[in-house]
């Protein structure tokens, strides 16, 4: 699986939830900024490691060439027998002793170059291993933090959805109660008005007729 780049994280889009956002936009943006900065630092460190690795490889190549050049002329102590001619007749013994250290000292130079090469290679390997471990650690921390942010966002979204469901159920119960109250109120109001009208009718029929009303004129109703 390829590692994320700074552009991948920068262009990442989060899908919004149905009812409301289930994560803190500012927190996610801040985290993305941290991840981008971390990835850029890692890329910079990798570039620096590559540069130092190339320099170390060039140094190793130079030491290898120097070791080869020093190892090649080592078996050439032959042109120096002239001091022996000068001390042939003399009982001076230190002359051959002076030649011997020169002949013994040069064969150690390739070993020194080899040791330097081994040391340079060891330092290079240690540096690369340390850089890789640091890179793995930073990536692991970034992944852990990203997983934590996503988990917290999902938990927040679940809690928000649960609260919305509870609020919706409460509103539905309130609406049902209001409907029942309205129906009962209409029924009671109708009964009250009907009773009131009935009382008015009963009272109207019980009142005596007014003077001049319903009185027969004189002569009406009589037979001739």
C-alpha atoms as a PDB file:
ATOM      1  CA  UNK A   1       0.000   0.000   0.000  1.00  0.00           C
ATOM      2  CA  UNK A   2       1.475   3.363  -1.042  1.00  0.00           C
ATOM      3  CA  UNK A   3       2.127   5.952   1.646  1.00  0.00           C
ATOM      4  CA  UNK A   4       0.059   9.115   1.716  1.00  0.00           C
ATOM      5  CA  UNK A   5       1.532  12.245   0.277  1.00  0.00           C
ATOM      6  CA  UNK A   6       0.934  15.786   1.488  1.00  0.00           C
ATOM      7  CA  UNK A   7      -1.379  16.423  -1.483  1.00  0.00           C
ATOM      8  CA  UNK A   8      -3.390  13.264  -0.723  1.00  0.00           C
ATOM      9  CA  UNK A   9      -4.111  14.419   2.817  1.00  0.00           C
ATOM     10  CA  UNK A  10      -4.666  18.031   1.739  1.00  0.00           C
ATOM     11  CA  UNK A  11      -7.272  17.007  -0.872  1.00  0.00           C
ATOM     12  CA  UNK A  12      -9.077  14.488   1.367  1.00  0.00           C
ATOM     13  CA  UNK A  13     -12.845  15.177   1.590  1.00  0.00           C
ATOM     14  CA  UNK A  14     -15.018  14.039   4.485  1.00  0.00           C
ATOM     15  CA  UNK A  15     -18.645  13.113   3.812  1.00  0.00           C
ATOM     16  CA  UNK A  16     -21.137  15.110   5.887  1.00  0.00           C
ATOM     17  CA  UNK A  17     -23.762  13.320   7.970  1.00  0.00           C
ATOM     18  CA  UNK A  18     -27.482  13.358   7.120  1.00  0.00           C
ATOM     19  CA  UNK A  19     -28.836  15.525   9.922  1.00  0.00           C
ATOM     20  CA  UNK A  20     -25.852  17.550  11.049  1.00  0.00           C
ATOM     21  CA  UNK A  21     -22.094  17.285  10.838  1.00  0.00           C
ATOM     22  CA  UNK A  22     -20.829  14.463  13.009  1.00  0.00           C
ATOM     23  CA  UNK A  23     -17.340  15.910  13.495  1.00  0.00           C
ATOM     24  CA  UNK A  24     -15.739  19.179  14.417  1.00  0.00           C
ATOM     25  CA  UNK A  25     -14.699  20.787  11.148  1.00  0.00           C
ATOM     26  CA  UNK A  26     -12.014  22.930  12.781  1.00  0.00           C
ATOM     27  CA  UNK A  27     -10.540  19.960  14.606  1.00  0.00           C
ATOM     28  CA  UNK A  28     -10.358  17.881  11.445  1.00  0.00           C
ATOM     29  CA  UNK A  29      -8.820  20.802   9.533  1.00  0.00           C
ATOM     30  CA  UNK A  30      -6.211  21.291  12.260  1.00  0.00           C
ATOM     31  CA  UNK A  31      -5.418  17.599  12.193  1.00  0.00           C
ATOM     32  CA  UNK A  32      -5.055  17.616   8.432  1.00  0.00           C
ATOM     33  CA  UNK A  33      -2.675  20.553   8.740  1.00  0.00           C
ATOM     34  CA  UNK A  34      -0.615  18.591  11.268  1.00  0.00           C
ATOM     35  CA  UNK A  35      -0.586  15.517   9.032  1.00  0.00           C
ATOM     36  CA  UNK A  36       0.466  17.616   6.024  1.00  0.00           C
ATOM     37  CA  UNK A  37       3.258  19.226   8.037  1.00  0.00           C
ATOM     38  CA  UNK A  38       4.345  15.815   9.312  1.00  0.00           C
ATOM     39  CA  UNK A  39       4.417  14.333   5.825  1.00  0.00           C
ATOM     40  CA  UNK A  40       6.330  17.312   4.512  1.00  0.00           C
ATOM     41  CA  UNK A  41       8.844  16.961   7.337  1.00  0.00           C
ATOM     42  CA  UNK A  42       9.159  13.256   6.548  1.00  0.00           C
ATOM     43  CA  UNK A  43       9.698  14.020   2.885  1.00  0.00           C
ATOM     44  CA  UNK A  44      12.322  16.591   3.823  1.00  0.00           C
ATOM     45  CA  UNK A  45      14.048  14.113   6.119  1.00  0.00           C
ATOM     46  CA  UNK A  46      13.952  11.458   3.405  1.00  0.00           C
ATOM     47  CA  UNK A  47      15.474  13.886   0.918  1.00  0.00           C
ATOM     48  CA  UNK A  48      18.141  14.777   3.475  1.00  0.00           C
ATOM     49  CA  UNK A  49      18.810  11.082   4.087  1.00  0.00           C
ATOM     50  CA  UNK A  50      19.119  10.480   0.362  1.00  0.00           C
ATOM     51  CA  UNK A  51      21.582  13.365   0.054  1.00  0.00           C
ATOM     52  CA  UNK A  52      23.664  12.115   2.973  1.00  0.00           C
ATOM     53  CA  UNK A  53      23.475   8.565   1.640  1.00  0.00           C
ATOM     54  CA  UNK A  54      24.770   9.713  -1.740  1.00  0.00           C
ATOM     55  CA  UNK A  55      27.578  11.624   0.001  1.00  0.00           C
ATOM     56  CA  UNK A  56      28.427   8.567   2.096  1.00  0.00           C
ATOM     57  CA  UNK A  57      28.468   6.365  -0.999  1.00  0.00           C
ATOM     58  CA  UNK A  58      30.775   8.827  -2.751  1.00  0.00           C
ATOM     59  CA  UNK A  59      33.013   8.848   0.314  1.00  0.00           C
ATOM     60  CA  UNK A  60      33.040   5.052   0.382  1.00  0.00           C
ATOM     61  CA  UNK A  61      33.954   4.994  -3.305  1.00  0.00           C
ATOM     62  CA  UNK A  62      36.773   7.484  -2.683  1.00  0.00           C
ATOM     63  CA  UNK A  63      38.066   5.429   0.232  1.00  0.00           C
ATOM     64  CA  UNK A  64      37.839   2.292  -1.890  1.00  0.00           C
ATOM     65  CA  UNK A  65      39.895   3.918  -4.645  1.00  0.00           C
ATOM     66  CA  UNK A  66      42.364   5.260  -2.101  1.00  0.00           C
ATOM     67  CA  UNK A  67      42.691   1.820  -0.532  1.00  0.00           C
ATOM     68  CA  UNK A  68      43.271   0.246  -3.933  1.00  0.00           C
ATOM     69  CA  UNK A  69      45.893   2.850  -4.790  1.00  0.00           C
ATOM     70  CA  UNK A  70      47.633   2.360  -1.461  1.00  0.00           C
ATOM     71  CA  UNK A  71      47.513  -1.420  -1.761  1.00  0.00           C
ATOM     72  CA  UNK A  72      49.010  -1.462  -5.279  1.00  0.00           C
ATOM     73  CA  UNK A  73      52.443   0.165  -4.616  1.00  0.00           C
ATOM     74  CA  UNK A  74      52.912  -1.685  -1.332  1.00  0.00           C
ATOM     75  CA  UNK A  75      55.227  -4.432  -2.697  1.00  0.00           C
ATOM     76  CA  UNK A  76      57.739  -1.906  -4.155  1.00  0.00           C
ATOM     77  CA  UNK A  77      60.463  -1.518  -1.538  1.00  0.00           C
ATOM     78  CA  UNK A  78      63.092  -2.797  -4.040  1.00  0.00           C
ATOM     79  CA  UNK A  79      64.559   0.544  -5.192  1.00  0.00           C
ATOM     80  CA  UNK A  80      65.924   1.208  -1.677  1.00  0.00           C
ATOM     81  CA  UNK A  81      68.892  -1.163  -1.310  1.00  0.00           C
ATOM     82  CA  UNK A  82      71.429   1.700  -1.759  1.00  0.00           C
ATOM     83  CA  UNK A  83      71.863   2.367   1.955  1.00  0.00           C
ATOM     84  CA  UNK A  84      73.063  -1.219   2.279  1.00  0.00           C
ATOM     85  CA  UNK A  85      75.922  -0.569  -0.162  1.00  0.00           C
ATOM     86  CA  UNK A  86      77.118   2.276   2.002  1.00  0.00           C
ATOM     87  CA  UNK A  87      77.209   0.176   5.146  1.00  0.00           C
ATOM     88  CA  UNK A  88      78.574  -3.087   3.703  1.00  0.00           C
ATOM     89  CA  UNK A  89      82.087  -2.520   4.991  1.00  0.00           C
ATOM     90  CA  UNK A  90      81.014  -0.825   8.168  1.00  0.00           C
ATOM     91  CA  UNK A  91      79.744  -2.694  11.179  1.00  0.00           C
ATOM     92  CA  UNK A  92      76.713  -0.416  11.377  1.00  0.00           C
ATOM     93  CA  UNK A  93      73.666  -2.623  11.852  1.00  0.00           C
ATOM     94  CA  UNK A  94      70.833  -0.082  12.187  1.00  0.00           C
ATOM     95  CA  UNK A  95      70.597   0.427   8.403  1.00  0.00           C
ATOM     96  CA  UNK A  96      68.716  -2.799   7.632  1.00  0.00           C
ATOM     97  CA  UNK A  97      66.606  -2.204  10.719  1.00  0.00           C
ATOM     98  CA  UNK A  98      65.518   1.153   9.283  1.00  0.00           C
ATOM     99  CA  UNK A  99      64.456  -0.526   6.034  1.00  0.00           C
ATOM    100  CA  UNK A 100      62.464  -3.217   7.795  1.00  0.00           C
ATOM    101  CA  UNK A 101      59.948  -0.900   9.453  1.00  0.00           C
ATOM    102  CA  UNK A 102      59.240   0.731   6.110  1.00  0.00           C
ATOM    103  CA  UNK A 103      58.591  -2.650   4.566  1.00  0.00           C
ATOM    104  CA  UNK A 104      56.390  -3.676   7.502  1.00  0.00           C
ATOM    105  CA  UNK A 105      54.502  -0.387   7.750  1.00  0.00           C
ATOM    106  CA  UNK A 106      53.115  -0.193   4.252  1.00  0.00           C
ATOM    107  CA  UNK A 107      51.233  -3.508   4.193  1.00  0.00           C
ATOM    108  CA  UNK A 108      49.110  -2.177   7.110  1.00  0.00           C
ATOM    109  CA  UNK A 109      47.828   0.749   5.042  1.00  0.00           C
ATOM    110  CA  UNK A 110      45.258  -1.357   3.095  1.00  0.00           C
ATOM    111  CA  UNK A 111      44.024  -2.736   6.419  1.00  0.00           C
ATOM    112  CA  UNK A 112      43.568   0.826   7.688  1.00  0.00           C
ATOM    113  CA  UNK A 113      41.662   1.769   4.531  1.00  0.00           C
ATOM    114  CA  UNK A 114      39.530  -1.349   4.887  1.00  0.00           C
ATOM    115  CA  UNK A 115      38.785  -0.436   8.499  1.00  0.00           C
ATOM    116  CA  UNK A 116      37.781   3.066   7.442  1.00  0.00           C
ATOM    117  CA  UNK A 117      35.509   1.607   4.787  1.00  0.00           C
ATOM    118  CA  UNK A 118      33.931  -0.738   7.303  1.00  0.00           C
ATOM    119  CA  UNK A 119      33.455   2.116   9.772  1.00  0.00           C
ATOM    120  CA  UNK A 120      31.924   4.355   7.094  1.00  0.00           C
ATOM    121  CA  UNK A 121      29.595   1.556   6.009  1.00  0.00           C
ATOM    122  CA  UNK A 122      28.570   0.923   9.627  1.00  0.00           C
ATOM    123  CA  UNK A 123      27.884   4.618  10.221  1.00  0.00           C
ATOM    124  CA  UNK A 124      25.890   4.746   7.004  1.00  0.00           C
ATOM    125  CA  UNK A 125      23.815   1.696   7.957  1.00  0.00           C
ATOM    126  CA  UNK A 126      23.193   3.049  11.466  1.00  0.00           C
ATOM    127  CA  UNK A 127      22.122   6.420  10.096  1.00  0.00           C
ATOM    128  CA  UNK A 128      19.760   4.876   7.549  1.00  0.00           C
ATOM    129  CA  UNK A 129      18.292   2.522  10.146  1.00  0.00           C
ATOM    130  CA  UNK A 130      17.792   5.374  12.614  1.00  0.00           C
ATOM    131  CA  UNK A 131      16.088   7.500   9.955  1.00  0.00           C
ATOM    132  CA  UNK A 132      13.835   4.624   8.935  1.00  0.00           C
ATOM    133  CA  UNK A 133      12.860   3.941  12.544  1.00  0.00           C
ATOM    134  CA  UNK A 134      12.052   7.615  13.106  1.00  0.00           C
ATOM    135  CA  UNK A 135      10.024   7.709   9.895  1.00  0.00           C
ATOM    136  CA  UNK A 136       8.087   4.582  10.895  1.00  0.00           C
ATOM    137  CA  UNK A 137       7.432   6.033  14.347  1.00  0.00           C
ATOM    138  CA  UNK A 138       6.071   9.316  12.974  1.00  0.00           C
ATOM    139  CA  UNK A 139       3.880   7.524  10.442  1.00  0.00           C
ATOM    140  CA  UNK A 140       2.556   5.190  13.147  1.00  0.00           C
ATOM    141  CA  UNK A 141       1.741   8.146  15.401  1.00  0.00           C
ATOM    142  CA  UNK A 142      -0.005   9.957  12.539  1.00  0.00           C
ATOM    143  CA  UNK A 143      -2.079   6.863  11.742  1.00  0.00           C
ATOM    144  CA  UNK A 144      -2.989   6.363  15.409  1.00  0.00           C
ATOM    145  CA  UNK A 145      -4.033   9.983  15.775  1.00  0.00           C
ATOM    146  CA  UNK A 146      -6.048   9.814  12.550  1.00  0.00           C
ATOM    147  CA  UNK A 147      -7.817   6.657  13.725  1.00  0.00           C
ATOM    148  CA  UNK A 148      -8.580   8.342  17.057  1.00  0.00           C
ATOM    149  CA  UNK A 149     -10.053  11.408  15.326  1.00  0.00           C
ATOM    150  CA  UNK A 150     -12.213   9.227  13.066  1.00  0.00           C
ATOM    151  CA  UNK A 151     -13.369   7.114  16.010  1.00  0.00           C
ATOM    152  CA  UNK A 152     -14.287  10.188  18.050  1.00  0.00           C
ATOM    153  CA  UNK A 153     -16.115  11.660  15.047  1.00  0.00           C
ATOM    154  CA  UNK A 154     -18.107   8.448  14.606  1.00  0.00           C
ATOM    155  CA  UNK A 155     -18.962   8.348  18.309  1.00  0.00           C
ATOM    156  CA  UNK A 156     -20.053  11.991  18.214  1.00  0.00           C
ATOM    157  CA  UNK A 157     -22.161  11.295  15.134  1.00  0.00           C
ATOM    158  CA  UNK A 158     -23.795   8.297  16.807  1.00  0.00           C
ATOM    159  CA  UNK A 159     -24.581  10.326  19.931  1.00  0.00           C
ATOM    160  CA  UNK A 160     -25.998  13.152  17.821  1.00  0.00           C
ATOM    161  CA  UNK A 161     -28.208  10.777  15.856  1.00  0.00           C
ATOM    162  CA  UNK A 162     -29.432   9.211  19.093  1.00  0.00           C
ATOM    163  CA  UNK A 163     -30.313  12.614  20.504  1.00  0.00           C
ATOM    164  CA  UNK A 164     -32.140  13.544  17.303  1.00  0.00           C
ATOM    165  CA  UNK A 165     -34.145  10.327  17.434  1.00  0.00           C
ATOM    166  CA  UNK A 166     -35.118  11.019  21.041  1.00  0.00           C
ATOM    167  CA  UNK A 167     -36.115  14.595  20.221  1.00  0.00           C
ATOM    168  CA  UNK A 168     -38.157  13.433  17.245  1.00  0.00           C
ATOM    169  CA  UNK A 169     -39.972  10.844  19.370  1.00  0.00           C
ATOM    170  CA  UNK A 170     -40.678  13.497  21.996  1.00  0.00           C
ATOM    171  CA  UNK A 171     -42.041  15.893  19.373  1.00  0.00           C
ATOM    172  CA  UNK A 172     -44.248  13.183  17.914  1.00  0.00           C
ATOM    173  CA  UNK A 173     -45.694  12.468  21.355  1.00  0.00           C
ATOM    174  CA  UNK A 174     -46.301  16.172  21.907  1.00  0.00           C
ATOM    175  CA  UNK A 175     -48.069  16.435  18.553  1.00  0.00           C
ATOM    176  CA  UNK A 176     -50.268  13.436  19.360  1.00  0.00           C
ATOM    177  CA  UNK A 177     -51.145  14.934  22.741  1.00  0.00           C
ATOM    178  CA  UNK A 178     -52.035  18.260  21.108  1.00  0.00           C
ATOM    179  CA  UNK A 179     -54.241  16.504  18.573  1.00  0.00           C
ATOM    180  CA  UNK A 180     -56.084  14.614  21.324  1.00  0.00           C
ATOM    181  CA  UNK A 181     -56.468  17.837  23.305  1.00  0.00           C
ATOM    182  CA  UNK A 182     -57.798  19.663  20.242  1.00  0.00           C
ATOM    183  CA  UNK A 183     -60.327  16.913  19.498  1.00  0.00           C
ATOM    184  CA  UNK A 184     -61.528  16.789  23.099  1.00  0.00           C
ATOM    185  CA  UNK A 185     -61.698  20.566  23.267  1.00  0.00           C
ATOM    186  CA  UNK A 186     -63.776  20.751  20.081  1.00  0.00           C
ATOM    187  CA  UNK A 187     -66.115  18.062  21.398  1.00  0.00           C
ATOM    188  CA  UNK A 188     -66.586  19.787  24.749  1.00  0.00           C
ATOM    189  CA  UNK A 189     -67.025  23.188  23.082  1.00  0.00           C
ATOM    190  CA  UNK A 190     -69.639  21.782  20.719  1.00  0.00           C
ATOM    191  CA  UNK A 191     -71.526  20.167  23.580  1.00  0.00           C
ATOM    192  CA  UNK A 192     -71.373  23.376  25.573  1.00  0.00           C
ATOM    193  CA  UNK A 193     -72.703  25.475  22.700  1.00  0.00           C
ATOM    194  CA  UNK A 194     -75.484  22.979  21.977  1.00  0.00           C
ATOM    195  CA  UNK A 195     -76.521  22.975  25.623  1.00  0.00           C
ATOM    196  CA  UNK A 196     -76.401  26.760  25.692  1.00  0.00           C
ATOM    197  CA  UNK A 197     -78.606  27.002  22.615  1.00  0.00           C
ATOM    198  CA  UNK A 198     -81.005  24.467  24.090  1.00  0.00           C
ATOM    199  CA  UNK A 199     -81.273  26.519  27.265  1.00  0.00           C
ATOM    200  CA  UNK A 200     -81.945  29.653  25.259  1.00  0.00           C
ATOM    201  CA  UNK A 201     -84.687  27.902  23.288  1.00  0.00           C
ATOM    202  CA  UNK A 202     -86.283  26.605  26.458  1.00  0.00           C
ATOM    203  CA  UNK A 203     -86.171  30.003  28.084  1.00  0.00           C
ATOM    204  CA  UNK A 204     -87.652  31.660  24.983  1.00  0.00           C
ATOM    205  CA  UNK A 205     -90.615  29.288  24.873  1.00  0.00           C
ATOM    206  CA  UNK A 206     -91.334  29.831  28.554  1.00  0.00           C
ATOM    207  CA  UNK A 207     -91.632  33.648  28.271  1.00  0.00           C
ATOM    208  CA  UNK A 208     -95.255  35.168  28.167  1.00  0.00           C
ATOM    209  CA  UNK A 209     -96.334  36.794  24.910  1.00  0.00           C
ATOM    210  CA  UNK A 210     -95.844  40.526  24.615  1.00  0.00           C
ATOM    211  CA  UNK A 211     -98.832  42.910  24.762  1.00  0.00           C
ATOM    212  CA  UNK A 212    -100.458  43.471  21.374  1.00  0.00           C
ATOM    213  CA  UNK A 213     -99.053  40.288  19.992  1.00  0.00           C
ATOM    214  CA  UNK A 214    -101.207  37.275  19.310  1.00  0.00           C
ATOM    215  CA  UNK A 215    -104.393  39.272  20.406  1.00  0.00           C
ATOM    216  CA  UNK A 216    -107.470  38.838  18.278  1.00  0.00           C
ATOM    217  CA  UNK A 217    -109.161  42.003  16.972  1.00  0.00           C
ATOM    218  CA  UNK A 218    -112.639  42.728  18.086  1.00  0.00           C
ATOM    219  CA  UNK A 219    -115.163  40.963  15.921  1.00  0.00           C
ATOM    220  CA  UNK A 220    -112.704  38.438  14.566  1.00  0.00           C
ATOM    221  CA  UNK A 221    -113.578  34.935  15.320  1.00  0.00           C
ATOM    222  CA  UNK A 222    -117.234  35.697  15.920  1.00  0.00           C
ATOM    223  CA  UNK A 223    -119.978  34.239  13.790  1.00  0.00           C
ATOM    224  CA  UNK A 224    -122.764  36.456  12.532  1.00  0.00           C
END
